[in-house]
Amino acid sequence: MLHSVRLDPELKDSWRWNGSNNGLFTTKSPTSLIDSKTIRAGPNAKETLRNNVVPKKVEIFIWRARRERIPARVELDKRGVDLHSVRCPLCDDDIESVVHSLLSCEKVNEVWSKVFKWWGLNGVSNYSFDELLQGLPNLSFSDSGKYIWQGVIWTACYLIWKNRNSKIFKNKCWSTPNALGEIQLKSFEWVAKRSKRKSIEWHTWFHNPSCYLMQLDLIVCIVCDVIYDANLASV
């Protein structure tokens, strides 16, 4: 192996990361390498979604939910867990799959209707589960707006699942108004702390967050116009 190696006395020794084309190591590169080699393996593999607006625990939960790896009753039954019933603990009208527990359940759908109405959008029934988790790419929001809206969706899914667990283990279940209020409060807390846009106010967020996104878009347009005018003046 060493027979063909030729050393150059004018070059210094250095580390090289074979996981990237340029040989440079970044904290993201091993994650991307593992993602491409293992997580996305197989014909039905899905690209990992990321959103820094929400905590890592929520990102992990969404990753598991997209792959049907959260312990919904049907999934537990598939893995040989002996349950007295596989019916939904909230509505008792259908078997509890991942999609049912986070989207299709009648009780959960009421919560989603409130969330969509809060944002001034059409009903959630127009979208599939995967489209929902991707943040509904066909919306007219800007890229930053879609990112924040996706964070709200993920927050809602995470809290819906927590409510489901409270129903099973503590026999406690939130009402639809309380559910919306908790989603509004928790999403505001995470977006306000984690988003690069720090101008968010609770009053605007609570009453009409779409207006907040439009304000962001307006600010971006004004800044771009100012930079463009400055560049023209310098020329």
Protein backbone atom coordinates (compact mmCIF):
# COMPACT_ATOMS: atom_id res chain seq x y z
CA MET A 1 0.00 0.00 0.00
CA LEU A 2 2.85 2.36 0.78
CA HIS A 3 4.93 1.46 -2.25
CA SER A 4 3.13 3.94 -4.50
CA VAL A 5 3.07 6.77 -1.94
CA ARG A 6 5.23 9.78 -2.75
CA LEU A 7 5.84 12.44 -0.11
CA ASP A 8 6.17 16.10 -1.03
CA PRO A 9 8.60 17.86 1.34
CA GLU A 10 7.01 21.25 0.59
CA LEU A 11 3.54 20.24 1.80
CA LYS A 12 2.50 19.99 5.44
CA ASP A 13 0.57 17.05 6.83
CA SER A 14 -3.16 17.71 7.28
CA TRP A 15 -6.34 15.85 8.05
CA ARG A 16 -8.73 15.06 5.21
CA TRP A 17 -12.41 14.16 5.60
CA ASN A 18 -13.37 11.59 2.99
CA GLY A 19 -17.06 12.23 3.58
CA SER A 20 -17.01 15.40 1.47
CA ASN A 21 -15.66 16.27 -1.96
CA ASN A 22 -13.42 19.09 -0.74
CA GLY A 23 -11.94 17.08 2.13
CA LEU A 24 -13.09 19.58 4.76
CA PHE A 25 -14.94 18.42 7.86
CA THR A 26 -18.11 20.14 9.06
CA THR A 27 -20.48 19.09 11.84
CA LYS A 28 -23.22 18.65 9.24
CA SER A 29 -21.22 16.33 6.97
CA PRO A 30 -21.34 13.15 9.12
CA THR A 31 -25.06 13.67 9.67
CA SER A 32 -25.62 13.96 5.93
CA LEU A 33 -23.41 10.91 5.32
CA ILE A 34 -25.33 8.75 7.81
CA ASP A 35 -28.61 10.08 6.44
CA SER A 36 -27.73 9.13 2.87
CA LYS A 37 -26.23 5.71 3.71
CA THR A 38 -28.71 4.36 6.25
CA ILE A 39 -31.77 6.49 6.96
CA ARG A 40 -32.69 6.97 3.29
CA ALA A 41 -31.85 3.41 2.31
CA GLY A 42 -34.63 1.53 0.49
CA PRO A 43 -37.14 2.32 -2.25
CA ASN A 44 -39.65 4.02 0.10
CA ALA A 45 -37.12 6.15 1.97
CA LYS A 46 -37.97 9.76 2.71
CA GLU A 47 -35.62 12.70 2.98
CA THR A 48 -35.09 13.91 6.52
CA LEU A 49 -36.88 17.19 7.20
CA ARG A 50 -35.23 19.82 9.39
CA ASN A 51 -36.54 22.94 11.06
CA ASN A 52 -34.50 24.95 13.57
CA VAL A 53 -37.56 26.84 14.80
CA VAL A 54 -38.52 23.86 16.99
CA PRO A 55 -36.36 21.92 19.49
CA LYS A 56 -34.49 18.78 18.46
CA LYS A 57 -36.95 16.57 20.35
CA VAL A 58 -39.71 17.78 18.01
CA GLU A 59 -37.55 17.20 14.91
CA ILE A 60 -36.89 13.64 16.11
CA PHE A 61 -40.59 13.09 16.78
CA ILE A 62 -41.50 14.23 13.24
CA TRP A 63 -38.77 12.01 11.78
CA ARG A 64 -40.26 9.03 13.61
CA ALA A 65 -43.85 9.94 12.71
CA ARG A 66 -43.09 10.11 8.97
CA ARG A 67 -41.67 6.61 9.18
CA GLU A 68 -44.50 5.28 11.38
CA ARG A 69 -42.12 4.70 14.28
CA ILE A 70 -44.08 6.30 17.10
CA PRO A 71 -45.99 3.83 19.33
CA ALA A 72 -49.47 4.15 17.86
CA ARG A 73 -51.51 1.08 18.72
CA VAL A 74 -51.43 -0.44 15.24
CA GLU A 75 -47.65 -0.13 15.14
CA LEU A 76 -47.33 -1.75 18.56
CA ASP A 77 -49.61 -4.57 17.43
CA LYS A 78 -47.43 -5.13 14.34
CA ARG A 79 -44.44 -5.56 16.63
CA GLY A 80 -46.13 -8.21 18.75
CA VAL A 81 -47.19 -6.05 21.71
CA ASP A 82 -50.33 -7.54 23.27
CA LEU A 83 -52.95 -4.78 23.60
CA HIS A 84 -56.54 -5.02 24.76
CA SER A 85 -57.59 -2.83 21.81
CA VAL A 86 -56.07 -1.10 18.78
CA ARG A 87 -58.85 1.47 18.54
CA CYS A 88 -58.16 5.19 18.90
CA PRO A 89 -58.20 6.23 22.59
CA LEU A 90 -59.61 9.65 21.69
CA CYS A 91 -62.53 8.91 19.36
CA ASP A 92 -62.89 5.10 19.56
CA ASP A 93 -64.22 5.17 15.98
CA ASP A 94 -61.25 3.71 14.10
CA ILE A 95 -57.98 1.86 14.61
CA GLU A 96 -55.14 4.05 15.83
CA SER A 97 -52.50 4.40 13.13
CA VAL A 98 -49.91 7.18 13.10
CA VAL A 99 -51.85 9.16 10.49
CA HIS A 100 -55.11 8.68 12.38
CA SER A 101 -53.66 9.77 15.73
CA LEU A 102 -52.04 12.94 14.33
CA LEU A 103 -54.43 13.93 11.55
CA SER A 104 -57.54 11.87 10.77
CA CYS A 105 -59.07 11.41 14.22
CA GLU A 106 -62.29 13.41 14.57
CA LYS A 107 -61.09 15.01 17.81
CA VAL A 108 -57.71 15.88 16.31
CA ASN A 109 -59.27 17.21 13.11
CA GLU A 110 -61.20 19.74 15.18
CA VAL A 111 -57.89 21.03 16.54
CA TRP A 112 -56.39 21.26 13.05
CA SER A 113 -59.43 23.19 11.82
CA LYS A 114 -58.84 25.76 14.56
CA VAL A 115 -55.13 26.00 13.74
CA PHE A 116 -55.81 26.53 10.03
CA LYS A 117 -58.52 29.09 10.78
CA TRP A 118 -56.08 30.89 13.07
CA TRP A 119 -53.72 31.25 10.10
CA GLY A 120 -56.50 32.11 7.66
CA LEU A 121 -56.01 28.94 5.59
CA ASN A 122 -58.33 26.34 4.08
CA GLY A 123 -59.12 23.13 5.93
CA VAL A 124 -56.50 20.50 6.68
CA SER A 125 -58.59 17.84 4.89
CA ASN A 126 -57.25 19.17 1.57
CA TYR A 127 -53.77 17.79 2.32
CA SER A 128 -52.09 14.45 2.95
CA PHE A 129 -50.14 13.73 6.12
CA ASP A 130 -46.78 14.04 4.38
CA GLU A 131 -47.78 17.32 2.70
CA LEU A 132 -48.78 18.63 6.11
CA LEU A 133 -45.41 17.78 7.67
CA GLN A 134 -43.56 19.34 4.73
CA GLY A 135 -45.32 22.63 5.50
CA LEU A 136 -47.71 22.61 2.52
CA PRO A 137 -45.19 23.75 -0.15
CA ASN A 138 -47.89 25.20 -2.41
CA LEU A 139 -48.76 28.04 -0.01
CA SER A 140 -48.07 31.62 -1.06
CA PHE A 141 -45.85 32.37 1.95
CA SER A 142 -42.23 33.35 1.43
CA ASP A 143 -39.52 30.81 2.25
CA SER A 144 -39.09 32.20 5.77
CA GLY A 145 -42.86 32.24 6.21
CA LYS A 146 -43.19 28.60 5.15
CA TYR A 147 -40.42 27.71 7.56
CA ILE A 148 -42.25 29.31 10.48
CA TRP A 149 -45.59 27.79 9.42
CA GLN A 150 -43.96 24.36 9.25
CA GLY A 151 -42.66 24.93 12.78
CA VAL A 152 -46.24 25.59 13.91
CA ILE A 153 -47.43 22.36 12.25
CA TRP A 154 -44.70 20.33 13.92
CA THR A 155 -45.48 21.95 17.28
CA ALA A 156 -49.15 21.02 16.85
CA CYS A 157 -48.27 17.38 16.00
CA TYR A 158 -45.99 17.13 19.01
CA LEU A 159 -48.62 18.53 21.40
CA ILE A 160 -51.38 16.40 19.87
CA TRP A 161 -49.31 13.31 20.60
CA LYS A 162 -48.61 14.49 24.16
CA ASN A 163 -52.35 14.98 24.65
CA ARG A 164 -52.97 11.47 23.35
CA ASN A 165 -50.52 10.11 25.94
CA SER A 166 -52.19 12.12 28.72
CA LYS A 167 -55.52 10.58 27.75
CA ILE A 168 -54.10 7.05 27.95
CA PHE A 169 -51.92 7.32 31.05
CA LYS A 170 -53.64 10.07 33.08
CA ASN A 171 -57.18 10.02 31.68
CA LYS A 172 -56.86 13.73 30.89
CA CYS A 173 -57.85 15.24 27.55
CA TRP A 174 -57.78 18.86 26.44
CA SER A 175 -60.72 20.67 24.88
CA THR A 176 -60.37 22.15 21.38
CA PRO A 177 -60.06 25.79 22.62
CA ASN A 178 -57.45 24.76 25.19
CA ALA A 179 -55.61 22.79 22.51
CA LEU A 180 -55.42 25.80 20.20
CA GLY A 181 -54.27 28.04 23.05
CA GLU A 182 -51.45 25.67 23.98
CA ILE A 183 -50.32 25.38 20.37
CA GLN A 184 -50.35 29.16 19.98
CA LEU A 185 -48.39 29.70 23.18
CA LYS A 186 -45.78 26.99 22.65
CA SER A 187 -45.20 27.83 18.97
CA PHE A 188 -44.81 31.52 19.87
CA GLU A 189 -42.30 30.63 22.58
CA TRP A 190 -40.20 28.53 20.22
CA VAL A 191 -40.46 30.81 17.17
CA ALA A 192 -39.70 33.96 19.18
CA LYS A 193 -36.57 32.40 20.69
CA ARG A 194 -35.29 30.40 17.73
CA SER A 195 -36.30 32.30 14.60
CA LYS A 196 -33.82 34.73 13.07
CA ARG A 197 -36.70 37.18 12.82
CA LYS A 198 -36.85 38.69 16.31
CA SER A 199 -39.58 41.29 15.71
CA ILE A 200 -42.47 38.98 16.56
CA GLU A 201 -45.00 40.18 19.14
CA TRP A 202 -47.50 38.05 21.03
CA HIS A 203 -50.49 40.24 20.12
CA THR A 204 -49.83 39.88 16.37
CA TRP A 205 -49.00 36.19 16.68
CA PHE A 206 -52.15 35.43 18.67
CA HIS A 207 -54.61 37.28 16.43
CA ASN A 208 -53.16 36.94 12.93
CA PRO A 209 -49.68 35.43 12.44
CA SER A 210 -50.07 35.72 8.66
CA CYS A 211 -49.83 39.50 9.10
CA TYR A 212 -46.51 38.97 10.86
CA LEU A 213 -45.23 37.00 7.88
CA MET A 214 -46.41 39.69 5.46
CA GLN A 215 -44.58 42.30 7.56
CA LEU A 216 -41.41 40.21 7.30
CA ASP A 217 -41.80 39.96 3.53
CA LEU A 218 -42.31 43.74 3.29
CA ILE A 219 -39.17 44.40 5.37
CA VAL A 220 -37.14 42.03 3.16
CA CYS A 221 -38.40 43.79 0.02
CA ILE A 222 -37.53 47.24 1.42
CA VAL A 223 -34.04 46.09 2.42
CA CYS A 224 -33.47 44.57 -1.03
CA ASP A 225 -34.61 47.80 -2.69
CA VAL A 226 -32.27 49.86 -0.50
CA ILE A 227 -29.32 47.58 -1.31
CA TYR A 228 -30.18 47.68 -5.02
CA ASP A 229 -30.39 51.48 -5.02
CA ALA A 230 -27.08 51.71 -3.13
CA ASN A 231 -25.40 49.45 -5.66
CA LEU A 232 -26.71 51.60 -8.53
CA ALA A 233 -25.46 54.75 -6.81
CA SER A 234 -22.00 53.24 -6.32
CA VAL A 235 -21.83 52.35 -10.03
